[in-house]
Amino acid sequence: MTAKGFRKGKESITTWQMPVIPAELMQLECAHSLVRLRSQIPVSFPPLVTIGQLFAQHIHATTLVEQQLAHLCMDGFIRKYQLALPSEHGLILTSDVAVQLERAARKHRKGFEAEEAGDNRTIPVNNSNEVWSAFGFDQEKTHHGAVNREVRKDLFDRYLAWLKDFSCQTVHVSREKLANEVCATPTEINKLVSCGFFTIKDEHSLTLAFPSSGQYIRAFEKSKQEIVSTLKRKRNREFLEKQLIDKLQALSTGSRSSLPPALVIYELIGVGLLERRNTPSGDMIRLTSKSSDMEKMMKW
């Protein structure tokens, strides 16, 4: 996969390539906003776009955003995931999920091949030259044995086929539904959990997940705290957006562990914790009363 890059300080940052939008979806403004936002994410992070970021791009048309997102989900272009972020949900291109599933499938097939050859060694998977290696799959090792015998080779193909038809109205699914519709055994369901495609909601239910989304959330929280702290120190709790972004980039200690500040600002604007207003000097970013109320609740 070819990706584009930009410079941060003295280091060049590679970001996700802007994908092609299917012709039948070209008229949807949200599709264009989504792929533009995705193209700003460094490849060291999963290509997650949040609903809050999209709301910030269409601040006076949130109902339209929701309608078009439903269309994109029903068409199978994107999938919706629950995240521990202010807007609560992230969006992933189904094609990105397919790439991650193929990586997991290749890794699992290595287990079958080694087992059939009578080889029970632990074999490292080396895909360090691929963009997806940023998510740590190349660092994992597969132990060939009982687990591989109980997980059929086509598990990830069955899961992807099911995911493309899965309703976008919910991010939760019961184990029983997976057993019936994916024909997945309990061991196979646990395999999908261990690979990061589900998290456990309760004894009977799972929540759709995407590998390494926790990395994105941790970086977001760190940047959010820096933004709030910076604005609190300013008179009227506001800052010119360009100056704020420049300041946050200067504070960043490691480009590979930091999200672009603009993406974090978009999310906070989209959920109403920040607001943007035009001034003769440029766009001004300000903390809202909602952010103060949330902070009081957290202290309480």
Protein backbone atom coordinates (compact mmCIF):
# COMPACT_ATOMS: atom_id res chain seq x y z
CA MET A 1 0.00 0.00 0.00
CA THR A 2 1.39 3.38 -0.95
CA ALA A 3 1.01 6.16 1.58
CA LYS A 4 1.71 9.84 1.50
CA GLY A 5 3.83 11.79 3.96
CA PHE A 6 4.33 15.12 5.65
CA ARG A 7 7.11 16.55 7.77
CA LYS A 8 6.89 17.07 11.51
CA GLY A 9 9.94 18.85 12.80
CA LYS A 10 12.88 17.04 11.23
CA GLU A 11 11.08 13.74 10.82
CA SER A 12 8.92 12.69 7.89
CA ILE A 13 5.54 11.21 8.84
CA THR A 14 3.83 8.71 6.56
CA THR A 15 0.04 8.82 6.54
CA TRP A 16 -2.64 6.57 5.13
CA GLN A 17 -3.31 6.83 1.42
CA MET A 18 -6.63 8.35 0.37
CA PRO A 19 -8.74 5.45 -0.96
CA VAL A 20 -10.99 5.49 -4.00
CA ILE A 21 -14.66 6.16 -3.27
CA PRO A 22 -17.03 3.89 -5.24
CA ALA A 23 -18.90 5.74 -8.01
CA GLU A 24 -22.30 5.08 -6.41
CA LEU A 25 -21.16 6.86 -3.21
CA MET A 26 -19.46 9.87 -4.81
CA GLN A 27 -22.48 12.11 -4.16
CA LEU A 28 -22.20 11.63 -0.37
CA GLU A 29 -20.29 14.49 1.26
CA CYS A 30 -19.52 12.34 4.30
CA ALA A 31 -17.66 9.81 2.16
CA HIS A 32 -15.28 12.52 0.96
CA SER A 33 -14.83 13.97 4.47
CA LEU A 34 -14.16 10.50 5.87
CA VAL A 35 -11.39 9.61 3.42
CA ARG A 36 -9.80 13.06 3.83
CA LEU A 37 -9.68 12.61 7.61
CA ARG A 38 -8.32 9.08 7.21
CA SER A 39 -5.51 10.41 5.00
CA GLN A 40 -4.30 12.62 7.90
CA ILE A 41 -3.69 9.65 10.23
CA PRO A 42 -0.09 8.38 10.55
CA VAL A 43 0.30 4.73 9.54
CA SER A 44 1.62 4.01 13.04
CA PHE A 45 -2.06 4.24 14.10
CA PRO A 46 -5.06 2.26 12.87
CA PRO A 47 -7.02 4.25 10.24
CA LEU A 48 -9.87 5.20 12.59
CA VAL A 49 -12.11 8.17 11.87
CA THR A 50 -14.48 9.24 14.65
CA ILE A 51 -18.05 10.41 14.29
CA GLY A 52 -17.10 13.55 16.24
CA GLN A 53 -14.47 14.42 13.63
CA LEU A 54 -17.10 14.14 10.90
CA PHE A 55 -19.55 16.29 12.87
CA ALA A 56 -16.86 18.98 13.11
CA GLN A 57 -16.58 19.02 9.31
CA HIS A 58 -20.35 19.49 8.99
CA ILE A 59 -21.12 21.31 12.24
CA HIS A 60 -24.54 22.56 11.10
CA ALA A 61 -25.61 19.36 9.39
CA THR A 62 -25.19 16.60 11.97
CA THR A 63 -28.50 14.97 11.00
CA LEU A 64 -27.29 14.74 7.40
CA VAL A 65 -24.03 13.18 8.65
CA GLU A 66 -25.97 10.50 10.54
CA GLN A 67 -28.12 9.74 7.50
CA GLN A 68 -25.16 9.47 5.16
CA LEU A 69 -23.19 7.33 7.61
CA ALA A 70 -26.14 4.92 7.78
CA HIS A 71 -26.04 4.80 3.96
CA LEU A 72 -22.30 4.09 3.94
CA CYS A 73 -22.75 1.33 6.51
CA MET A 74 -25.63 -0.30 4.68
CA ASP A 75 -23.63 -0.18 1.45
CA GLY A 76 -20.75 -1.97 3.20
CA PHE A 77 -18.22 0.84 2.64
CA ILE A 78 -17.58 1.35 6.37
CA ARG A 79 -18.15 -0.39 9.70
CA LYS A 80 -18.93 1.28 13.02
CA TYR A 81 -17.09 0.43 16.25
CA GLN A 82 -17.54 1.48 19.86
CA LEU A 83 -14.57 3.39 21.27
CA ALA A 84 -13.72 4.98 24.61
CA LEU A 85 -13.78 8.46 23.06
CA PRO A 86 -16.13 11.43 23.62
CA SER A 87 -18.18 10.64 20.50
CA GLU A 88 -18.17 6.93 21.49
CA HIS A 89 -17.94 5.54 17.96
CA GLY A 90 -15.23 5.14 15.35
CA LEU A 91 -15.49 4.29 11.67
CA ILE A 92 -13.29 1.93 9.66
CA LEU A 93 -13.34 1.24 5.94
CA THR A 94 -14.46 -2.34 5.36
CA SER A 95 -11.46 -2.69 3.04
CA ASP A 96 -9.17 -1.89 6.00
CA VAL A 97 -10.87 -4.58 8.08
CA ALA A 98 -10.36 -7.02 5.20
CA VAL A 99 -6.62 -6.28 5.10
CA GLN A 100 -6.30 -6.89 8.83
CA LEU A 101 -8.32 -10.10 8.58
CA GLU A 102 -6.12 -11.34 5.74
CA ARG A 103 -3.04 -10.79 7.91
CA ALA A 104 -4.63 -12.80 10.71
CA ALA A 105 -5.67 -15.53 8.24
CA ARG A 106 -2.15 -15.81 6.78
CA LYS A 107 -0.74 -16.13 10.24
CA HIS A 108 -3.25 -18.83 11.12
CA ARG A 109 -2.62 -20.72 7.87
CA LYS A 110 1.07 -20.90 8.76
CA GLY A 111 -0.02 -22.86 11.82
CA PHE A 112 -1.96 -25.37 9.74
CA GLU A 113 0.89 -25.83 7.30
CA ALA A 114 3.42 -26.39 10.04
CA GLU A 115 1.07 -28.78 11.85
CA GLU A 116 0.44 -30.81 8.70
CA ALA A 117 4.20 -31.02 8.20
CA GLY A 118 4.54 -32.34 11.74
CA ASP A 119 6.31 -29.20 12.92
CA ASN A 120 5.26 -28.05 16.41
CA ARG A 121 7.75 -25.23 16.75
CA THR A 122 6.81 -21.66 17.58
CA ILE A 123 7.32 -19.73 14.34
CA PRO A 124 7.60 -15.92 14.26
CA VAL A 125 5.64 -14.05 11.62
CA ASN A 126 7.73 -11.47 9.78
CA ASN A 127 5.85 -8.85 7.77
CA SER A 128 7.98 -5.90 8.81
CA ASN A 129 7.93 -4.37 5.34
CA GLU A 130 4.14 -4.05 5.31
CA VAL A 131 2.29 -1.00 6.56
CA TRP A 132 0.09 -3.15 8.82
CA SER A 133 3.16 -4.31 10.77
CA ALA A 134 2.76 -1.06 12.71
CA PHE A 135 -0.04 -2.80 14.60
CA GLY A 136 2.28 -5.39 16.11
CA PHE A 137 1.16 -8.54 14.32
CA ASP A 138 4.70 -9.13 13.09
CA GLN A 139 5.86 -9.22 16.72
CA GLU A 140 3.50 -12.01 17.70
CA LYS A 141 4.30 -15.69 17.47
CA THR A 142 1.96 -18.52 16.63
CA HIS A 143 2.18 -21.77 18.58
CA HIS A 144 1.02 -24.66 16.43
CA GLY A 145 -1.02 -27.29 18.20
CA ALA A 146 -4.47 -27.80 19.71
CA VAL A 147 -5.76 -24.27 19.04
CA ASN A 148 -5.01 -24.48 15.33
CA ARG A 149 -6.74 -27.83 15.03
CA GLU A 150 -9.90 -26.37 16.58
CA VAL A 151 -9.94 -23.19 14.44
CA ARG A 152 -10.78 -23.88 10.81
CA LYS A 153 -8.79 -22.29 8.01
CA ASP A 154 -11.72 -20.25 6.67
CA LEU A 155 -12.67 -18.58 9.98
CA PHE A 156 -11.56 -15.09 8.93
CA ASP A 157 -13.21 -15.39 5.51
CA ARG A 158 -16.48 -16.39 7.18
CA TYR A 159 -16.20 -13.50 9.62
CA LEU A 160 -15.54 -10.92 6.86
CA ALA A 161 -18.49 -12.18 4.80
CA TRP A 162 -20.71 -11.87 7.87
CA LEU A 163 -19.33 -8.42 8.79
CA LYS A 164 -20.17 -6.99 5.36
CA ASP A 165 -23.84 -7.83 5.94
CA PHE A 166 -23.89 -6.99 9.66
CA SER A 167 -26.37 -4.25 10.68
CA CYS A 168 -24.71 -0.89 11.29
CA GLN A 169 -27.36 -0.04 13.90
CA THR A 170 -25.50 -1.88 16.66
CA VAL A 171 -21.91 -2.64 17.63
CA HIS A 172 -22.85 -5.51 19.92
CA VAL A 173 -23.48 -9.14 18.99
CA SER A 174 -24.35 -12.24 20.98
CA ARG A 175 -22.20 -15.35 20.98
CA GLU A 176 -25.27 -17.26 19.86
CA LYS A 177 -25.64 -15.02 16.79
CA LEU A 178 -22.00 -15.59 15.85
CA ALA A 179 -22.42 -19.32 16.32
CA ASN A 180 -25.48 -19.36 14.06
CA GLU A 181 -24.49 -16.87 11.37
CA VAL A 182 -20.70 -17.30 11.21
CA CYS A 183 -20.89 -21.01 12.10
CA ALA A 184 -18.23 -20.24 14.69
CA THR A 185 -17.39 -22.62 17.51
CA PRO A 186 -16.64 -21.25 21.01
CA THR A 187 -12.92 -21.71 20.30
CA GLU A 188 -13.20 -19.80 17.03
CA ILE A 189 -15.06 -16.97 18.74
CA ASN A 190 -12.30 -16.78 21.33
CA LYS A 191 -9.78 -16.69 18.49
CA LEU A 192 -11.50 -13.61 17.02
CA VAL A 193 -11.40 -11.99 20.47
CA SER A 194 -7.69 -12.76 20.93
CA CYS A 195 -6.94 -11.29 17.49
CA GLY A 196 -8.62 -8.02 18.50
CA PHE A 197 -11.78 -8.20 16.38
CA PHE A 198 -14.08 -8.32 19.42
CA THR A 199 -14.01 -7.30 23.06
CA ILE A 200 -16.06 -9.05 25.72
CA LYS A 201 -19.18 -7.12 26.75
CA ASP A 202 -20.58 -9.72 29.14
CA GLU A 203 -20.92 -13.47 29.48
CA HIS A 204 -23.16 -13.78 26.43
CA SER A 205 -22.27 -10.74 24.27
CA LEU A 206 -19.33 -9.25 22.43
CA THR A 207 -18.57 -5.79 21.04
CA LEU A 208 -17.07 -5.19 17.60
CA ALA A 209 -13.45 -4.09 17.89
CA PHE A 210 -10.50 -3.25 15.68
CA PRO A 211 -6.91 -4.31 16.51
CA SER A 212 -4.75 -1.63 18.17
CA SER A 213 -7.61 0.84 18.65
CA GLY A 214 -6.39 1.16 22.25
CA GLN A 215 -3.21 2.76 20.91
CA TYR A 216 -5.32 5.42 19.17
CA ILE A 217 -7.38 6.06 22.32
CA ARG A 218 -4.31 6.48 24.55
CA ALA A 219 -2.75 8.98 22.13
CA PHE A 220 -6.06 10.84 21.89
CA GLU A 221 -6.40 11.14 25.68
CA LYS A 222 -2.85 12.45 26.01
CA SER A 223 -3.41 15.10 23.34
CA LYS A 224 -6.82 16.03 24.77
CA GLN A 225 -5.29 16.71 28.18
CA GLU A 226 -2.63 18.92 26.58
CA ILE A 227 -5.28 20.89 24.67
CA VAL A 228 -7.49 21.44 27.74
CA SER A 229 -4.49 22.36 29.91
CA THR A 230 -3.22 24.86 27.31
CA LEU A 231 -6.62 26.54 26.88
CA LYS A 232 -7.20 26.80 30.62
CA ARG A 233 -4.06 28.85 30.99
CA LYS A 234 -5.19 31.36 28.37
CA ARG A 235 -7.34 34.40 29.01
CA ASN A 236 -10.98 33.61 28.12
CA ARG A 237 -9.83 30.00 27.66
CA GLU A 238 -9.29 30.45 23.94
CA PHE A 239 -6.42 30.24 21.47
CA LEU A 240 -5.95 30.84 17.75
CA GLU A 241 -6.31 27.42 16.15
CA LYS A 242 -3.10 27.65 14.10
CA GLN A 243 -1.06 28.72 17.13
CA LEU A 244 -2.64 26.00 19.27
CA ILE A 245 -1.74 23.31 16.72
CA ASP A 246 1.83 24.64 16.43
CA LYS A 247 2.18 24.61 20.22
CA LEU A 248 0.86 21.07 20.53
CA GLN A 249 3.20 19.83 17.81
CA ALA A 250 6.11 21.40 19.66
CA LEU A 251 5.05 19.62 22.87
CA SER A 252 4.93 16.26 21.10
CA THR A 253 7.79 14.10 22.32
CA GLY A 254 7.53 11.35 19.71
CA SER A 255 5.85 11.57 16.33
CA ARG A 256 5.04 7.86 16.20
CA SER A 257 3.14 8.03 19.48
CA SER A 258 1.25 11.27 18.79
CA LEU A 259 -1.88 11.92 16.79
CA PRO A 260 -2.04 15.07 14.65
CA PRO A 261 -3.51 17.75 16.98
CA ALA A 262 -6.05 18.81 14.34
CA LEU A 263 -7.75 15.39 14.51
CA VAL A 264 -8.12 15.64 18.29
CA ILE A 265 -9.46 19.20 18.01
CA TYR A 266 -12.02 18.04 15.41
CA GLU A 267 -13.29 15.32 17.75
CA LEU A 268 -13.65 17.77 20.65
CA ILE A 269 -15.45 20.30 18.45
CA GLY A 270 -17.75 17.58 17.13
CA VAL A 271 -18.93 16.61 20.62
CA GLY A 272 -19.24 20.21 21.84
CA LEU A 273 -16.28 20.34 24.23
CA LEU A 274 -14.60 22.98 22.06
CA GLU A 275 -16.03 25.59 19.75
CA ARG A 276 -14.53 27.39 16.78
CA ARG A 277 -15.33 30.99 15.86
CA ASN A 278 -14.03 33.25 13.13
CA THR A 279 -12.01 36.34 14.05
CA PRO A 280 -10.03 38.86 11.96
CA SER A 281 -6.85 37.11 13.16
CA GLY A 282 -8.04 33.64 12.18
CA ASP A 283 -10.13 30.80 13.62
CA MET A 284 -10.29 30.85 17.42
CA ILE A 285 -10.68 27.66 19.51
CA ARG A 286 -12.40 27.99 22.88
CA LEU A 287 -13.35 25.68 25.73
CA THR A 288 -17.12 25.45 26.14
CA SER A 289 -19.24 25.32 29.27
CA LYS A 290 -19.88 21.66 28.44
CA SER A 291 -16.20 20.90 28.99
CA SER A 292 -16.36 22.60 32.41
CA ASP A 293 -19.45 20.61 33.38
CA MET A 294 -17.77 17.37 32.33
CA GLU A 295 -14.68 18.21 34.35
CA LYS A 296 -16.80 18.85 37.46
CA MET A 297 -18.54 15.51 37.02
CA MET A 298 -15.21 13.71 36.73
CA LYS A 299 -13.93 15.37 39.93
CA TRP A 300 -17.16 14.49 41.74
